[in-house]
Amino acid sequence: ASGKIFGVYAMAWYRQAPGKQRELVAVIRSGGRINYAD
């Protein structure tokens, strides 16, 4: 991030392949819980 962001509760990566919808790849939440796409 180019500056400070306050109150962050999740950080994530998404991806979009040609002709497909954007999908969630992985997310990490403020409490540390992580989820991945299968």
All heavy atoms as atom14 arrays in JSON, in Angstrom:
{
  "sequence": "ASGKIFGVYAMAWYRQAPGKQRELVAVIRSGGRINYAD",
  "atom14_mask": [
    [1, 1, 1, 1, 1, 0, 0, 0, 0, 0, 0, 0, 0, 0],
    [1, 1, 1, 1, 1, 1, 0, 0, 0, 0, 0, 0, 0, 0],
    [1, 1, 1, 1, 0, 0, 0, 0, 0, 0, 0, 0, 0, 0],
    [1, 1, 1, 1, 1, 1, 1, 1, 1, 0, 0, 0, 0, 0],
    [1, 1, 1, 1, 1, 1, 1, 1, 0, 0, 0, 0, 0, 0],
    [1, 1, 1, 1, 1, 1, 1, 1, 1, 1, 1, 0, 0, 0],
    [1, 1, 1, 1, 0, 0, 0, 0, 0, 0, 0, 0, 0, 0],
    [1, 1, 1, 1, 1, 1, 1, 0, 0, 0, 0, 0, 0, 0],
    [1, 1, 1, 1, 1, 1, 1, 1, 1, 1, 1, 1, 0, 0],
    [1, 1, 1, 1, 1, 0, 0, 0, 0, 0, 0, 0, 0, 0],
    [1, 1, 1, 1, 1, 1, 1, 1, 0, 0, 0, 0, 0, 0],
    [1, 1, 1, 1, 1, 0, 0, 0, 0, 0, 0, 0, 0, 0],
    [1, 1, 1, 1, 1, 1, 1, 1, 1, 1, 1, 1, 1, 1],
    [1, 1, 1, 1, 1, 1, 1, 1, 1, 1, 1, 1, 0, 0],
    [1, 1, 1, 1, 1, 1, 1, 1, 1, 1, 1, 0, 0, 0],
    [1, 1, 1, 1, 1, 1, 1, 1, 1, 0, 0, 0, 0, 0],
    [1, 1, 1, 1, 1, 0, 0, 0, 0, 0, 0, 0, 0, 0],
    [1, 1, 1, 1, 1, 1, 1, 0, 0, 0, 0, 0, 0, 0],
    [1, 1, 1, 1, 0, 0, 0, 0, 0, 0, 0, 0, 0, 0],
    [1, 1, 1, 1, 1, 1, 1, 1, 1, 0, 0, 0, 0, 0],
    [1, 1, 1, 1, 1, 1, 1, 1, 1, 0, 0, 0, 0, 0],
    [1, 1, 1, 1, 1, 1, 1, 1, 1, 1, 1, 0, 0, 0],
    [1, 1, 1, 1, 1, 1, 1, 1, 1, 0, 0, 0, 0, 0],
    [1, 1, 1, 1, 1, 1, 1, 1, 0, 0, 0, 0, 0, 0],
    [1, 1, 1, 1, 1, 1, 1, 0, 0, 0, 0, 0, 0, 0],
    [1, 1, 1, 1, 1, 0, 0, 0, 0, 0, 0, 0, 0, 0],
    [1, 1, 1, 1, 1, 1, 1, 0, 0, 0, 0, 0, 0, 0],
    [1, 1, 1, 1, 1, 1, 1, 1, 0, 0, 0, 0, 0, 0],
    [1, 1, 1, 1, 1, 1, 1, 1, 1, 1, 1, 0, 0, 0],
    [1, 1, 1, 1, 1, 1, 0, 0, 0, 0, 0, 0, 0, 0],
    [1, 1, 1, 1, 0, 0, 0, 0, 0, 0, 0, 0, 0, 0],
    [1, 1, 1, 1, 0, 0, 0, 0, 0, 0, 0, 0, 0, 0],
    [1, 1, 1, 1, 1, 1, 1, 1, 1, 1, 1, 0, 0, 0],
    [1, 1, 1, 1, 1, 1, 1, 1, 0, 0, 0, 0, 0, 0],
    [1, 1, 1, 1, 1, 1, 1, 1, 0, 0, 0, 0, 0, 0],
    [1, 1, 1, 1, 1, 1, 1, 1, 1, 1, 1, 1, 0, 0],
    [1, 1, 1, 1, 1, 0, 0, 0, 0, 0, 0, 0, 0, 0],
    [1, 1, 1, 1, 1, 1, 1, 1, 0, 0, 0, 0, 0, 0]
  ],
  "atom14_positions": [
    [[0.85, -1.19, 0.0], [0.0, 0.0, 0.0], [0.88, 1.25, 0.0], [1.94, 1.26, 0.63], [-0.9, 0.01, 1.23], [0.0, 0.0, 0.0], [0.0, 0.0, 0.0], [0.0, 0.0, 0.0], [0.0, 0.0, 0.0], [0.0, 0.0, 0.0], [0.0, 0.0, 0.0], [0.0, 0.0, 0.0], [0.0, 0.0, 0.0], [0.0, 0.0, 0.0]],
    [[0.44, 2.27, -0.72], [1.23, 3.49, -0.82], [1.15, 4.34, 0.44], [1.93, 5.28, 0.6], [0.75, 4.33, -2.01], [-0.61, 4.7, -1.85], [0.0, 0.0, 0.0], [0.0, 0.0, 0.0], [0.0, 0.0, 0.0], [0.0, 0.0, 0.0], [0.0, 0.0, 0.0], [0.0, 0.0, 0.0], [0.0, 0.0, 0.0], [0.0, 0.0, 0.0]],
    [[0.23, 4.0, 1.34], [0.08, 4.73, 2.59], [-0.51, 3.83, 3.65], [-0.8, 2.66, 3.39], [0.0, 0.0, 0.0], [0.0, 0.0, 0.0], [0.0, 0.0, 0.0], [0.0, 0.0, 0.0], [0.0, 0.0, 0.0], [0.0, 0.0, 0.0], [0.0, 0.0, 0.0], [0.0, 0.0, 0.0], [0.0, 0.0, 0.0], [0.0, 0.0, 0.0]],
    [[-0.7, 4.38, 4.82], [-1.23, 3.58, 5.92], [-2.73, 3.4, 5.75], [-3.45, 4.36, 5.43], [-0.95, 4.28, 7.25], [-1.41, 3.5, 8.47], [-0.65, 2.21, 8.64], [-1.09, 1.47, 9.88], [-0.39, 0.16, 10.04], [0.0, 0.0, 0.0], [0.0, 0.0, 0.0], [0.0, 0.0, 0.0], [0.0, 0.0, 0.0], [0.0, 0.0, 0.0]],
    [[-3.19, 2.17, 5.94], [-4.61, 1.86, 5.94], [-5.01, 1.42, 7.34], [-4.42, 0.5, 7.89], [-4.95, 0.75, 4.93], [-4.53, 1.16, 3.51], [-6.45, 0.43, 4.96], [-4.7, 0.05, 2.48], [0.0, 0.0, 0.0], [0.0, 0.0, 0.0], [0.0, 0.0, 0.0], [0.0, 0.0, 0.0], [0.0, 0.0, 0.0], [0.0, 0.0, 0.0]],
    [[-5.98, 2.08, 7.91], [-6.41, 1.77, 9.27], [-7.64, 0.86, 9.25], [-8.44, 0.88, 8.34], [-6.72, 3.06, 10.03], [-5.52, 3.94, 10.22], [-5.22, 4.95, 9.31], [-4.66, 3.75, 11.29], [-4.1, 5.76, 9.47], [-3.55, 4.56, 11.46], [-3.27, 5.56, 10.55], [0.0, 0.0, 0.0], [0.0, 0.0, 0.0], [0.0, 0.0, 0.0]],
    [[-7.75, 0.05, 10.28], [-8.93, -0.79, 10.43], [-9.0, -1.92, 9.43], [-10.09, -2.33, 9.03], [0.0, 0.0, 0.0], [0.0, 0.0, 0.0], [0.0, 0.0, 0.0], [0.0, 0.0, 0.0], [0.0, 0.0, 0.0], [0.0, 0.0, 0.0], [0.0, 0.0, 0.0], [0.0, 0.0, 0.0], [0.0, 0.0, 0.0], [0.0, 0.0, 0.0]],
    [[-7.84, -2.45, 9.04], [-7.84, -3.55, 8.08], [-8.37, -4.81, 8.74], [-7.91, -5.19, 9.81], [-6.42, -3.8, 7.55], [-6.41, -5.04, 6.64], [-5.91, -2.59, 6.78], [0.0, 0.0, 0.0], [0.0, 0.0, 0.0], [0.0, 0.0, 0.0], [0.0, 0.0, 0.0], [0.0, 0.0, 0.0], [0.0, 0.0, 0.0], [0.0, 0.0, 0.0]],
    [[-9.35, -5.45, 8.11], [-9.83, -6.7, 8.68], [-9.62, -7.9, 7.77], [-9.85, -9.04, 8.17], [-11.29, -6.61, 9.11], [-12.29, -6.31, 8.01], [-12.81, -7.33, 7.22], [-12.73, -5.01, 7.79], [-13.73, -7.06, 6.24], [-13.66, -4.74, 6.81], [-14.16, -5.76, 6.03], [-15.07, -5.49, 5.05], [0.0, 0.0, 0.0], [0.0, 0.0, 0.0]],
    [[-9.16, -7.65, 6.55], [-8.83, -8.78, 5.68], [-7.91, -8.31, 4.55], [-8.04, -7.18, 4.07], [-10.09, -9.41, 5.08], [0.0, 0.0, 0.0], [0.0, 0.0, 0.0], [0.0, 0.0, 0.0], [0.0, 0.0, 0.0], [0.0, 0.0, 0.0], [0.0, 0.0, 0.0], [0.0, 0.0, 0.0], [0.0, 0.0, 0.0], [0.0, 0.0, 0.0]],
    [[-7.02, -9.21, 4.17], [-6.17, -9.0, 3.0], [-6.32, -10.24, 2.13], [-6.34, -11.36, 2.66], [-4.71, -8.82, 3.4], [-4.43, -7.58, 4.21], [-2.65, -7.48, 4.6], [-2.57, -5.87, 5.36], [0.0, 0.0, 0.0], [0.0, 0.0, 0.0], [0.0, 0.0, 0.0], [0.0, 0.0, 0.0], [0.0, 0.0, 0.0], [0.0, 0.0, 0.0]],
    [[-6.39, -10.04, 0.84], [-6.7, -11.17, -0.02], [-6.04, -11.03, -1.39], [-5.62, -9.94, -1.8], [-8.21, -11.31, -0.19], [0.0, 0.0, 0.0], [0.0, 0.0, 0.0], [0.0, 0.0, 0.0], [0.0, 0.0, 0.0], [0.0, 0.0, 0.0], [0.0, 0.0, 0.0], [0.0, 0.0, 0.0], [0.0, 0.0, 0.0], [0.0, 0.0, 0.0]],
    [[-5.98, -12.17, -2.07], [-5.58, -12.23, -3.48], [-6.73, -12.84, -4.26], [-7.3, -13.87, -3.86], [-4.33, -13.06, -3.66], [-3.1, -12.4, -3.18], [-2.5, -12.53, -1.95], [-2.27, -11.47, -3.91], [-1.38, -11.75, -1.87], [-1.21, -11.09, -3.07], [-2.33, -10.94, -5.2], [-0.22, -10.2, -3.47], [-1.34, -10.06, -5.6], [-0.31, -9.69, -4.75]],
    [[-7.05, -12.22, -5.37], [-8.02, -12.72, -6.33], [-7.3, -12.93, -7.65], [-6.2, -12.42, -7.86], [-9.15, -11.72, -6.53], [-10.11, -11.58, -5.38], [-9.75, -10.91, -4.23], [-11.4, -12.12, -5.47], [-10.65, -10.77, -3.17], [-12.3, -11.99, -4.43], [-11.92, -11.31, -3.28], [-12.81, -11.19, -2.25], [0.0, 0.0, 0.0], [0.0, 0.0, 0.0]],
    [[-7.95, -13.66, -8.55], [-7.4, -13.8, -9.89], [-8.53, -13.86, -10.9], [-9.66, -14.25, -10.56], [-6.51, -15.03, -10.01], [-7.23, -16.36, -9.89], [-6.21, -17.51, -9.9], [-6.87, -18.81, -9.81], [-6.21, -19.95, -9.68], [-4.87, -19.96, -9.59], [-6.87, -21.09, -9.6], [0.0, 0.0, 0.0], [0.0, 0.0, 0.0], [0.0, 0.0, 0.0]],
    [[-8.19, -13.48, -12.11], [-9.17, -13.53, -13.19], [-8.48, -14.03, -14.44], [-7.56, -13.38, -14.96], [-9.81, -12.17, -13.43], [-10.95, -12.19, -14.42], [-11.77, -10.93, -14.41], [-11.34, -9.89, -13.91], [-12.98, -10.98, -14.96], [0.0, 0.0, 0.0], [0.0, 0.0, 0.0], [0.0, 0.0, 0.0], [0.0, 0.0, 0.0], [0.0, 0.0, 0.0]],
    [[-8.93, -15.17, -14.91], [-8.42, -15.75, -16.14], [-9.26, -15.24, -17.31], [-10.42, -14.84, -17.12], [-8.46, -17.27, -16.07], [0.0, 0.0, 0.0], [0.0, 0.0, 0.0], [0.0, 0.0, 0.0], [0.0, 0.0, 0.0], [0.0, 0.0, 0.0], [0.0, 0.0, 0.0], [0.0, 0.0, 0.0], [0.0, 0.0, 0.0], [0.0, 0.0, 0.0]],
    [[-8.72, -15.27, -18.52], [-9.47, -14.79, -19.68], [-10.8, -15.52, -19.82], [-10.86, -16.75, -19.76], [-8.55, -15.11, -20.85], [-7.18, -15.11, -20.26], [-7.35, -15.66, -18.88], [0.0, 0.0, 0.0], [0.0, 0.0, 0.0], [0.0, 0.0, 0.0], [0.0, 0.0, 0.0], [0.0, 0.0, 0.0], [0.0, 0.0, 0.0], [0.0, 0.0, 0.0]],
    [[-11.87, -14.76, -19.98], [-13.19, -15.33, -20.17], [-13.84, -15.87, -18.91], [-14.93, -16.46, -18.98], [0.0, 0.0, 0.0], [0.0, 0.0, 0.0], [0.0, 0.0, 0.0], [0.0, 0.0, 0.0], [0.0, 0.0, 0.0], [0.0, 0.0, 0.0], [0.0, 0.0, 0.0], [0.0, 0.0, 0.0], [0.0, 0.0, 0.0], [0.0, 0.0, 0.0]],
    [[-13.21, -15.65, -17.76], [-13.77, -16.17, -16.51], [-13.99, -15.04, -15.52], [-13.44, -13.95, -15.66], [-12.83, -17.22, -15.9], [-12.68, -18.47, -16.74], [-11.89, -19.52, -15.99], [-11.81, -20.82, -16.78], [-11.05, -21.87, -16.04], [0.0, 0.0, 0.0], [0.0, 0.0, 0.0], [0.0, 0.0, 0.0], [0.0, 0.0, 0.0], [0.0, 0.0, 0.0]],
    [[-14.8, -15.32, -14.51], [-15.06, -14.34, -13.47], [-13.87, -14.28, -12.5], [-13.12, -15.24, -12.35], [-16.34, -14.7, -12.71], [-17.6, -14.52, -13.51], [-18.85, -14.72, -12.66], [-18.83, -15.43, -11.66], [-19.94, -14.09, -13.05], [0.0, 0.0, 0.0], [0.0, 0.0, 0.0], [0.0, 0.0, 0.0], [0.0, 0.0, 0.0], [0.0, 0.0, 0.0]],
    [[-13.76, -13.14, -11.86], [-12.73, -13.0, -10.84], [-13.06, -13.94, -9.67], [-14.22, -14.02, -9.25], [-12.65, -11.55, -10.35], [-11.47, -11.25, -9.45], [-11.36, -9.77, -9.14], [-11.13, -8.97, -10.34], [-10.82, -7.67, -10.32], [-10.73, -7.04, -9.15], [-10.63, -7.02, -11.44], [0.0, 0.0, 0.0], [0.0, 0.0, 0.0], [0.0, 0.0, 0.0]],
    [[-12.05, -14.63, -9.17], [-12.28, -15.56, -8.08], [-11.29, -15.31, -6.94], [-10.17, -14.86, -7.15], [-12.12, -17.02, -8.57], [-10.74, -17.37, -9.06], [-10.58, -18.85, -9.37], [-11.48, -19.64, -9.08], [-9.5, -19.21, -9.91], [0.0, 0.0, 0.0], [0.0, 0.0, 0.0], [0.0, 0.0, 0.0], [0.0, 0.0, 0.0], [0.0, 0.0, 0.0]],
    [[-11.75, -15.65, -5.74], [-10.9, -15.53, -4.57], [-9.88, -16.65, -4.56], [-10.25, -17.82, -4.7], [-11.76, -15.58, -3.3], [-11.0, -15.54, -1.97], [-10.3, -14.2, -1.79], [-11.96, -15.8, -0.81], [0.0, 0.0, 0.0], [0.0, 0.0, 0.0], [0.0, 0.0, 0.0], [0.0, 0.0, 0.0], [0.0, 0.0, 0.0], [0.0, 0.0, 0.0]],
    [[-8.62, -16.28, -4.37], [-7.55, -17.27, -4.29], [-7.21, -17.58, -2.84], [-7.14, -18.74, -2.43], [-6.29, -16.76, -5.02], [-5.13, -17.74, -4.84], [-6.58, -16.54, -6.49], [0.0, 0.0, 0.0], [0.0, 0.0, 0.0], [0.0, 0.0, 0.0], [0.0, 0.0, 0.0], [0.0, 0.0, 0.0], [0.0, 0.0, 0.0], [0.0, 0.0, 0.0]],
    [[-7.0, -16.53, -2.05], [-6.62, -16.71, -0.65], [-6.95, -15.44, 0.11], [-6.89, -14.35, -0.44], [-5.14, -17.02, -0.53], [0.0, 0.0, 0.0], [0.0, 0.0, 0.0], [0.0, 0.0, 0.0], [0.0, 0.0, 0.0], [0.0, 0.0, 0.0], [0.0, 0.0, 0.0], [0.0, 0.0, 0.0], [0.0, 0.0, 0.0], [0.0, 0.0, 0.0]],
    [[-7.31, -15.62, 1.39], [-7.63, -14.48, 2.24], [-7.07, -14.73, 3.63], [-7.1, -15.86, 4.13], [-9.15, -14.22, 2.3], [-9.91, -15.43, 2.8], [-9.46, -12.99, 3.14], [0.0, 0.0, 0.0], [0.0, 0.0, 0.0], [0.0, 0.0, 0.0], [0.0, 0.0, 0.0], [0.0, 0.0, 0.0], [0.0, 0.0, 0.0], [0.0, 0.0, 0.0]],
    [[-6.54, -13.67, 4.22], [-6.06, -13.73, 5.59], [-6.76, -12.61, 6.36], [-6.74, -11.45, 5.96], [-4.52, -13.62, 5.67], [-4.03, -13.72, 7.11], [-3.99, -12.36, 4.99], [-2.52, -13.95, 7.21], [0.0, 0.0, 0.0], [0.0, 0.0, 0.0], [0.0, 0.0, 0.0], [0.0, 0.0, 0.0], [0.0, 0.0, 0.0], [0.0, 0.0, 0.0]],
    [[-7.38, -13.0, 7.47], [-8.2, -12.04, 8.22], [-7.43, -11.5, 9.41], [-6.38, -12.03, 9.79], [-9.49, -12.71, 8.65], [-10.36, -13.11, 7.45], [-11.63, -13.84, 7.83], [-12.47, -14.09, 6.67], [-12.31, -15.12, 5.84], [-11.33, -15.97, 6.05], [-13.12, -15.27, 4.81], [0.0, 0.0, 0.0], [0.0, 0.0, 0.0], [0.0, 0.0, 0.0]],
    [[-7.96, -10.46, 10.03], [-7.24, -9.78, 11.1], [-6.93, -10.69, 12.27], [-5.93, -10.52, 12.96], [-8.03, -8.56, 11.57], [-9.32, -8.94, 12.02], [0.0, 0.0, 0.0], [0.0, 0.0, 0.0], [0.0, 0.0, 0.0], [0.0, 0.0, 0.0], [0.0, 0.0, 0.0], [0.0, 0.0, 0.0], [0.0, 0.0, 0.0], [0.0, 0.0, 0.0]],
    [[-7.76, -11.68, 12.51], [-7.5, -12.63, 13.6], [-6.53, -13.72, 13.22], [-6.18, -14.56, 14.06], [0.0, 0.0, 0.0], [0.0, 0.0, 0.0], [0.0, 0.0, 0.0], [0.0, 0.0, 0.0], [0.0, 0.0, 0.0], [0.0, 0.0, 0.0], [0.0, 0.0, 0.0], [0.0, 0.0, 0.0], [0.0, 0.0, 0.0], [0.0, 0.0, 0.0]],
    [[-6.09, -13.71, 11.96], [-5.12, -14.71, 11.5], [-5.72, -15.88, 10.75], [-5.0, -16.72, 10.22], [0.0, 0.0, 0.0], [0.0, 0.0, 0.0], [0.0, 0.0, 0.0], [0.0, 0.0, 0.0], [0.0, 0.0, 0.0], [0.0, 0.0, 0.0], [0.0, 0.0, 0.0], [0.0, 0.0, 0.0], [0.0, 0.0, 0.0], [0.0, 0.0, 0.0]],
    [[-7.05, -15.93, 10.69], [-7.66, -17.06, 9.98], [-7.41, -16.92, 8.48], [-7.52, -15.84, 7.92], [-9.16, -17.09, 10.25], [-9.87, -18.32, 9.7], [-11.21, -18.51, 10.39], [-12.11, -17.38, 10.22], [-13.1, -17.35, 9.34], [-13.28, -18.38, 8.52], [-13.88, -16.31, 9.26], [0.0, 0.0, 0.0], [0.0, 0.0, 0.0], [0.0, 0.0, 0.0]],
    [[-7.07, -18.05, 7.87], [-6.72, -18.08, 6.44], [-7.62, -19.07, 5.72], [-7.92, -20.15, 6.24], [-5.24, -18.48, 6.25], [-4.32, -17.39, 6.82], [-4.94, -18.74, 4.78], [-2.85, -17.76, 6.8], [0.0, 0.0, 0.0], [0.0, 0.0, 0.0], [0.0, 0.0, 0.0], [0.0, 0.0, 0.0], [0.0, 0.0, 0.0], [0.0, 0.0, 0.0]],
    [[-8.02, -18.69, 4.54], [-8.78, -19.6, 3.67], [-8.18, -19.57, 2.27], [-7.73, -18.51, 1.8], [-10.25, -19.19, 3.6], [-10.98, -19.43, 4.9], [-11.16, -18.51, 5.7], [-11.35, -20.67, 5.16], [0.0, 0.0, 0.0], [0.0, 0.0, 0.0], [0.0, 0.0, 0.0], [0.0, 0.0, 0.0], [0.0, 0.0, 0.0], [0.0, 0.0, 0.0]],
    [[-8.22, -20.72, 1.62], [-7.71, -20.85, 0.26], [-8.79, -21.44, -0.63], [-9.62, -22.24, -0.18], [-6.49, -21.78, 0.22], [-5.27, -21.26, 0.93], [-4.98, -21.7, 2.22], [-4.41, -20.35, 0.33], [-3.86, -21.23, 2.88], [-3.29, -19.88, 0.99], [-3.02, -20.32, 2.26], [-1.91, -19.85, 2.92], [0.0, 0.0, 0.0], [0.0, 0.0, 0.0]],
    [[-8.73, -21.09, -1.9], [-9.55, -21.79, -2.88], [-9.07, -23.23, -2.94], [-7.87, -23.51, -2.8], [-9.42, -21.12, -4.24], [0.0, 0.0, 0.0], [0.0, 0.0, 0.0], [0.0, 0.0, 0.0], [0.0, 0.0, 0.0], [0.0, 0.0, 0.0], [0.0, 0.0, 0.0], [0.0, 0.0, 0.0], [0.0, 0.0, 0.0], [0.0, 0.0, 0.0]],
    [[-9.98, -24.15, -3.16], [-9.61, -25.56, -3.2], [-8.53, -25.83, -4.24], [-7.67, -26.69, -4.04], [-10.84, -26.42, -3.51], [-11.8, -26.49, -2.33], [-11.39, -26.17, -1.2], [-12.97, -26.88, -2.55], [0.0, 0.0, 0.0], [0.0, 0.0, 0.0], [0.0, 0.0, 0.0], [0.0, 0.0, 0.0], [0.0, 0.0, 0.0], [0.0, 0.0, 0.0]]
  ]
}
